[in-house]
Amino acid sequence: MPNPPNPITPGERVIRILLSLGLIAYGLHGLLTDDFYVPGKYHGTHLHGTPARLMVMAMFCAAAVLLTVVAQHYDSPGNERYYRVCAFLGRIAGWAFFVSALLWDLYFPNK
């Protein structure tokens, strides 16, 4: 008898898909305009050039991590380990892109 898919509510699926689409859209807007705005408490920062591209890659990693749970729901139950590894690597890569974008902007500012 086949195992049922991992439980995920329809609302959680919709939220994860919409959040990932929002991250991708915001990242593409920042990439196309070459002006990626990172909001802050009192004021944010604008990233241009390489830091903006690195931040967009971080956002794409975040969108991929959000979508792994949705994809795992529709796949066979024996593959949970692969999705956990993919989500873990996506989080590591996303944080690495995020930190490298901020450090690049801090130490090599655009003139």
N, C-alpha and C. Protein backbone atom coordinates (compact mmCIF):
# COMPACT_ATOMS: atom_id res chain seq x y z
N MET A 1 0.84 -1.17 0.00
CA MET A 1 0.00 0.00 0.00
C MET A 1 0.89 1.24 0.00
N PRO A 2 0.66 2.20 -0.92
CA PRO A 2 1.52 3.38 -0.98
C PRO A 2 1.33 4.28 0.23
N ASN A 3 2.42 4.93 0.63
CA ASN A 3 2.36 5.86 1.75
C ASN A 3 1.73 7.17 1.31
N PRO A 4 0.95 7.81 2.18
CA PRO A 4 0.38 9.11 1.80
C PRO A 4 1.46 10.19 1.78
N PRO A 5 1.25 11.27 1.03
CA PRO A 5 2.24 12.33 1.00
C PRO A 5 2.35 13.03 2.35
N ASN A 6 3.45 13.72 2.55
CA ASN A 6 3.65 14.46 3.80
C ASN A 6 2.57 15.53 3.93
N PRO A 7 2.02 15.67 5.14
CA PRO A 7 0.91 16.62 5.29
C PRO A 7 1.38 18.07 5.25
N ILE A 8 0.73 18.84 4.44
CA ILE A 8 0.93 20.28 4.38
C ILE A 8 -0.42 20.87 4.01
N THR A 9 -0.86 21.83 4.77
CA THR A 9 -2.20 22.38 4.54
C THR A 9 -2.22 23.18 3.25
N PRO A 10 -3.38 23.26 2.63
CA PRO A 10 -3.48 24.06 1.40
C PRO A 10 -3.11 25.52 1.64
N GLY A 11 -3.44 26.05 2.81
CA GLY A 11 -3.08 27.43 3.11
C GLY A 11 -1.58 27.63 3.18
N GLU A 12 -0.88 26.67 3.78
CA GLU A 12 0.58 26.77 3.85
C GLU A 12 1.20 26.66 2.47
N ARG A 13 0.63 25.80 1.63
CA ARG A 13 1.12 25.69 0.25
C ARG A 13 0.98 27.02 -0.48
N VAL A 14 -0.18 27.63 -0.37
CA VAL A 14 -0.43 28.91 -1.05
C VAL A 14 0.50 29.98 -0.52
N ILE A 15 0.68 30.05 0.79
CA ILE A 15 1.55 31.07 1.38
C ILE A 15 2.99 30.88 0.91
N ARG A 16 3.46 29.64 0.91
CA ARG A 16 4.84 29.39 0.48
C ARG A 16 5.04 29.72 -1.00
N ILE A 17 4.07 29.38 -1.82
CA ILE A 17 4.20 29.68 -3.26
C ILE A 17 4.14 31.19 -3.48
N LEU A 18 3.23 31.88 -2.82
CA LEU A 18 3.13 33.34 -3.00
C LEU A 18 4.37 34.06 -2.47
N LEU A 19 4.88 33.62 -1.32
CA LEU A 19 6.11 34.23 -0.79
C LEU A 19 7.29 34.02 -1.73
N SER A 20 7.40 32.82 -2.28
CA SER A 20 8.51 32.56 -3.19
C SER A 20 8.37 33.37 -4.48
N LEU A 21 7.15 33.50 -4.98
CA LEU A 21 6.94 34.34 -6.17
C LEU A 21 7.24 35.80 -5.87
N GLY A 22 6.87 36.27 -4.66
CA GLY A 22 7.19 37.64 -4.27
C GLY A 22 8.69 37.87 -4.16
N LEU A 23 9.41 36.90 -3.58
CA LEU A 23 10.87 37.03 -3.50
C LEU A 23 11.51 37.06 -4.88
N ILE A 24 11.03 36.20 -5.76
CA ILE A 24 11.58 36.17 -7.12
C ILE A 24 11.28 37.48 -7.85
N ALA A 25 10.05 37.99 -7.71
CA ALA A 25 9.68 39.24 -8.38
C ALA A 25 10.50 40.41 -7.85
N TYR A 26 10.66 40.50 -6.52
CA TYR A 26 11.45 41.58 -5.94
C TYR A 26 12.91 41.48 -6.36
N GLY A 27 13.42 40.26 -6.40
CA GLY A 27 14.80 40.05 -6.84
C GLY A 27 15.00 40.42 -8.30
N LEU A 28 14.06 40.02 -9.15
CA LEU A 28 14.18 40.36 -10.57
C LEU A 28 14.07 41.87 -10.78
N HIS A 29 13.20 42.53 -10.03
CA HIS A 29 13.09 43.99 -10.15
C HIS A 29 14.41 44.65 -9.76
N GLY A 30 15.01 44.20 -8.66
CA GLY A 30 16.30 44.75 -8.26
C GLY A 30 17.40 44.45 -9.25
N LEU A 31 17.33 43.28 -9.86
CA LEU A 31 18.35 42.90 -10.85
C LEU A 31 18.21 43.72 -12.13
N LEU A 32 16.99 43.91 -12.59
CA LEU A 32 16.77 44.64 -13.84
C LEU A 32 17.03 46.13 -13.69
N THR A 33 16.76 46.69 -12.53
CA THR A 33 17.00 48.12 -12.32
C THR A 33 18.40 48.40 -11.77
N ASP A 34 19.11 47.35 -11.39
CA ASP A 34 20.44 47.45 -10.77
C ASP A 34 20.39 48.35 -9.54
N ASP A 35 19.30 48.26 -8.81
CA ASP A 35 19.13 49.01 -7.57
C ASP A 35 18.31 48.14 -6.63
N PHE A 36 19.00 47.40 -5.79
CA PHE A 36 18.34 46.51 -4.86
C PHE A 36 18.27 47.19 -3.50
N TYR A 37 17.06 47.43 -3.02
CA TYR A 37 16.87 48.12 -1.74
C TYR A 37 16.69 47.10 -0.63
N VAL A 38 17.53 47.19 0.39
CA VAL A 38 17.41 46.35 1.58
C VAL A 38 16.86 47.25 2.68
N PRO A 39 15.60 47.02 3.10
CA PRO A 39 15.03 47.90 4.12
C PRO A 39 15.68 47.69 5.48
N GLY A 40 15.70 48.77 6.26
CA GLY A 40 16.24 48.73 7.61
C GLY A 40 15.28 49.40 8.57
N LYS A 41 15.66 49.45 9.83
CA LYS A 41 14.77 50.02 10.85
C LYS A 41 14.57 51.52 10.65
N TYR A 42 15.63 52.26 10.49
CA TYR A 42 15.53 53.71 10.31
C TYR A 42 15.75 54.12 8.86
N HIS A 43 16.62 53.46 8.21
CA HIS A 43 16.85 53.69 6.78
C HIS A 43 17.43 52.41 6.22
N GLY A 44 17.25 52.19 4.96
CA GLY A 44 17.77 50.99 4.32
C GLY A 44 19.03 51.30 3.55
N THR A 45 19.43 50.35 2.77
CA THR A 45 20.61 50.53 1.93
C THR A 45 20.28 50.09 0.51
N HIS A 46 20.88 50.75 -0.44
CA HIS A 46 20.72 50.41 -1.85
C HIS A 46 21.97 49.68 -2.31
N LEU A 47 21.78 48.54 -2.92
CA LEU A 47 22.90 47.77 -3.46
C LEU A 47 22.89 47.88 -4.98
N HIS A 48 24.07 48.04 -5.55
CA HIS A 48 24.22 48.15 -7.00
C HIS A 48 25.33 47.22 -7.44
N GLY A 49 25.26 46.77 -8.68
CA GLY A 49 26.34 45.96 -9.25
C GLY A 49 26.42 44.57 -8.63
N THR A 50 27.64 44.16 -8.30
CA THR A 50 27.86 42.82 -7.77
C THR A 50 27.11 42.56 -6.46
N PRO A 51 27.10 43.47 -5.50
CA PRO A 51 26.32 43.20 -4.28
C PRO A 51 24.83 42.97 -4.56
N ALA A 52 24.28 43.69 -5.52
CA ALA A 52 22.87 43.50 -5.87
C ALA A 52 22.65 42.12 -6.47
N ARG A 53 23.56 41.68 -7.32
CA ARG A 53 23.44 40.35 -7.91
C ARG A 53 23.58 39.25 -6.86
N LEU A 54 24.48 39.45 -5.90
CA LEU A 54 24.63 38.48 -4.83
C LEU A 54 23.37 38.41 -3.96
N MET A 55 22.76 39.56 -3.70
CA MET A 55 21.55 39.58 -2.89
C MET A 55 20.39 38.92 -3.64
N VAL A 56 20.33 39.10 -4.94
CA VAL A 56 19.29 38.43 -5.73
C VAL A 56 19.49 36.92 -5.67
N MET A 57 20.71 36.46 -5.71
CA MET A 57 20.97 35.03 -5.58
C MET A 57 20.52 34.52 -4.21
N ALA A 58 20.72 35.32 -3.17
CA ALA A 58 20.24 34.94 -1.83
C ALA A 58 18.72 34.83 -1.82
N MET A 59 18.04 35.72 -2.50
CA MET A 59 16.58 35.67 -2.54
C MET A 59 16.10 34.46 -3.34
N PHE A 60 16.79 34.12 -4.41
CA PHE A 60 16.42 32.93 -5.18
C PHE A 60 16.62 31.67 -4.34
N CYS A 61 17.67 31.64 -3.53
CA CYS A 61 17.88 30.50 -2.63
C CYS A 61 16.75 30.41 -1.61
N ALA A 62 16.32 31.54 -1.08
CA ALA A 62 15.21 31.55 -0.12
C ALA A 62 13.93 31.05 -0.78
N ALA A 63 13.69 31.46 -2.01
CA ALA A 63 12.49 30.99 -2.72
C ALA A 63 12.57 29.48 -2.97
N ALA A 64 13.74 28.99 -3.30
CA ALA A 64 13.90 27.55 -3.52
C ALA A 64 13.66 26.76 -2.24
N VAL A 65 14.15 27.28 -1.11
CA VAL A 65 13.93 26.59 0.17
C VAL A 65 12.44 26.57 0.51
N LEU A 66 11.74 27.67 0.24
CA LEU A 66 10.30 27.69 0.49
C LEU A 66 9.57 26.66 -0.37
N LEU A 67 10.02 26.49 -1.59
CA LEU A 67 9.33 25.58 -2.51
C LEU A 67 9.69 24.12 -2.30
N THR A 68 10.77 23.82 -1.57
CA THR A 68 11.11 22.41 -1.34
C THR A 68 10.04 21.70 -0.52
N VAL A 69 9.42 22.40 0.42
CA VAL A 69 8.36 21.78 1.22
C VAL A 69 7.15 21.46 0.35
N VAL A 70 6.83 22.36 -0.56
CA VAL A 70 5.70 22.13 -1.46
C VAL A 70 6.01 20.97 -2.41
N ALA A 71 7.21 20.94 -2.96
CA ALA A 71 7.58 19.86 -3.87
C ALA A 71 7.63 18.53 -3.14
N GLN A 72 8.08 18.54 -1.90
CA GLN A 72 8.16 17.31 -1.12
C GLN A 72 6.76 16.73 -0.89
N HIS A 73 5.77 17.59 -0.76
CA HIS A 73 4.41 17.13 -0.55
C HIS A 73 3.91 16.29 -1.72
N TYR A 74 4.31 16.64 -2.93
CA TYR A 74 3.82 15.96 -4.11
C TYR A 74 4.70 14.79 -4.55
N ASP A 75 5.85 14.61 -3.92
CA ASP A 75 6.75 13.52 -4.29
C ASP A 75 6.49 12.31 -3.41
N SER A 76 7.10 11.20 -3.76
CA SER A 76 6.92 9.98 -2.97
C SER A 76 7.54 10.15 -1.59
N PRO A 77 6.97 9.51 -0.57
CA PRO A 77 7.42 9.72 0.81
C PRO A 77 8.84 9.26 1.10
N GLY A 78 9.43 8.44 0.29
CA GLY A 78 10.78 7.95 0.58
C GLY A 78 11.89 8.96 0.31
N ASN A 79 11.55 10.12 -0.22
CA ASN A 79 12.58 11.09 -0.62
C ASN A 79 12.72 12.27 0.33
N GLU A 80 12.21 12.17 1.55
CA GLU A 80 12.27 13.30 2.48
C GLU A 80 13.70 13.73 2.75
N ARG A 81 14.59 12.76 2.83
CA ARG A 81 15.99 13.07 3.14
C ARG A 81 16.60 13.99 2.09
N TYR A 82 16.30 13.74 0.83
CA TYR A 82 16.86 14.56 -0.24
C TYR A 82 16.33 16.00 -0.18
N TYR A 83 15.07 16.14 0.16
CA TYR A 83 14.51 17.48 0.28
C TYR A 83 15.09 18.22 1.48
N ARG A 84 15.33 17.52 2.57
CA ARG A 84 15.95 18.15 3.74
C ARG A 84 17.37 18.60 3.41
N VAL A 85 18.12 17.76 2.69
CA VAL A 85 19.49 18.13 2.30
C VAL A 85 19.45 19.31 1.35
N CYS A 86 18.53 19.30 0.40
CA CYS A 86 18.41 20.41 -0.56
C CYS A 86 18.05 21.71 0.17
N ALA A 87 17.12 21.64 1.12
CA ALA A 87 16.74 22.83 1.88
C ALA A 87 17.90 23.32 2.74
N PHE A 88 18.65 22.40 3.35
CA PHE A 88 19.79 22.79 4.18
C PHE A 88 20.86 23.47 3.33
N LEU A 89 21.18 22.89 2.18
CA LEU A 89 22.19 23.51 1.30
C LEU A 89 21.70 24.85 0.76
N GLY A 90 20.41 24.95 0.48
CA GLY A 90 19.85 26.22 0.03
C GLY A 90 19.94 27.30 1.09
N ARG A 91 19.70 26.92 2.36
CA ARG A 91 19.83 27.90 3.44
C ARG A 91 21.28 28.34 3.61
N ILE A 92 22.20 27.40 3.55
CA ILE A 92 23.63 27.74 3.68
C ILE A 92 24.05 28.66 2.54
N ALA A 93 23.68 28.31 1.30
CA ALA A 93 24.05 29.13 0.15
C ALA A 93 23.39 30.51 0.22
N GLY A 94 22.12 30.55 0.63
CA GLY A 94 21.42 31.83 0.74
C GLY A 94 22.06 32.75 1.75
N TRP A 95 22.39 32.24 2.92
CA TRP A 95 23.05 33.07 3.93
C TRP A 95 24.44 33.49 3.47
N ALA A 96 25.14 32.61 2.76
CA ALA A 96 26.48 32.97 2.24
C ALA A 96 26.36 34.10 1.22
N PHE A 97 25.37 34.02 0.31
CA PHE A 97 25.17 35.10 -0.66
C PHE A 97 24.78 36.40 0.05
N PHE A 98 23.91 36.31 1.05
CA PHE A 98 23.45 37.49 1.79
C PHE A 98 24.61 38.20 2.48
N VAL A 99 25.40 37.44 3.23
CA VAL A 99 26.53 38.03 3.96
C VAL A 99 27.58 38.56 2.99
N SER A 100 27.84 37.81 1.92
CA SER A 100 28.86 38.28 0.97
C SER A 100 28.40 39.55 0.26
N ALA A 101 27.10 39.69 0.00
CA ALA A 101 26.60 40.92 -0.64
C ALA A 101 26.80 42.12 0.27
N LEU A 102 26.48 41.95 1.56
CA LEU A 102 26.65 43.06 2.49
C LEU A 102 28.12 43.39 2.72
N LEU A 103 28.96 42.37 2.84
CA LEU A 103 30.39 42.62 3.03
C LEU A 103 31.02 43.25 1.80
N TRP A 104 30.59 42.79 0.62
CA TRP A 104 31.13 43.36 -0.62
C TRP A 104 30.77 44.85 -0.69
N ASP A 105 29.53 45.18 -0.34
CA ASP A 105 29.11 46.58 -0.38
C ASP A 105 29.83 47.40 0.67
N LEU A 106 30.15 46.80 1.79
CA LEU A 106 30.84 47.51 2.86
C LEU A 106 32.31 47.77 2.52
N TYR A 107 33.00 46.76 1.99
CA TYR A 107 34.43 46.89 1.75
C TYR A 107 34.79 47.36 0.34
N PHE A 108 33.91 47.17 -0.63
CA PHE A 108 34.16 47.61 -2.00
C PHE A 108 32.99 48.43 -2.50
N PRO A 109 32.72 49.58 -1.90
CA PRO A 109 31.55 50.37 -2.34
C PRO A 109 31.72 50.88 -3.76
N ASN A 110 30.58 51.01 -4.44
CA ASN A 110 30.61 51.55 -5.80
C ASN A 110 30.90 53.05 -5.74
N LYS A 111 31.72 53.49 -6.62
CA LYS A 111 32.09 54.92 -6.66
C LYS A 111 31.09 55.69 -7.45
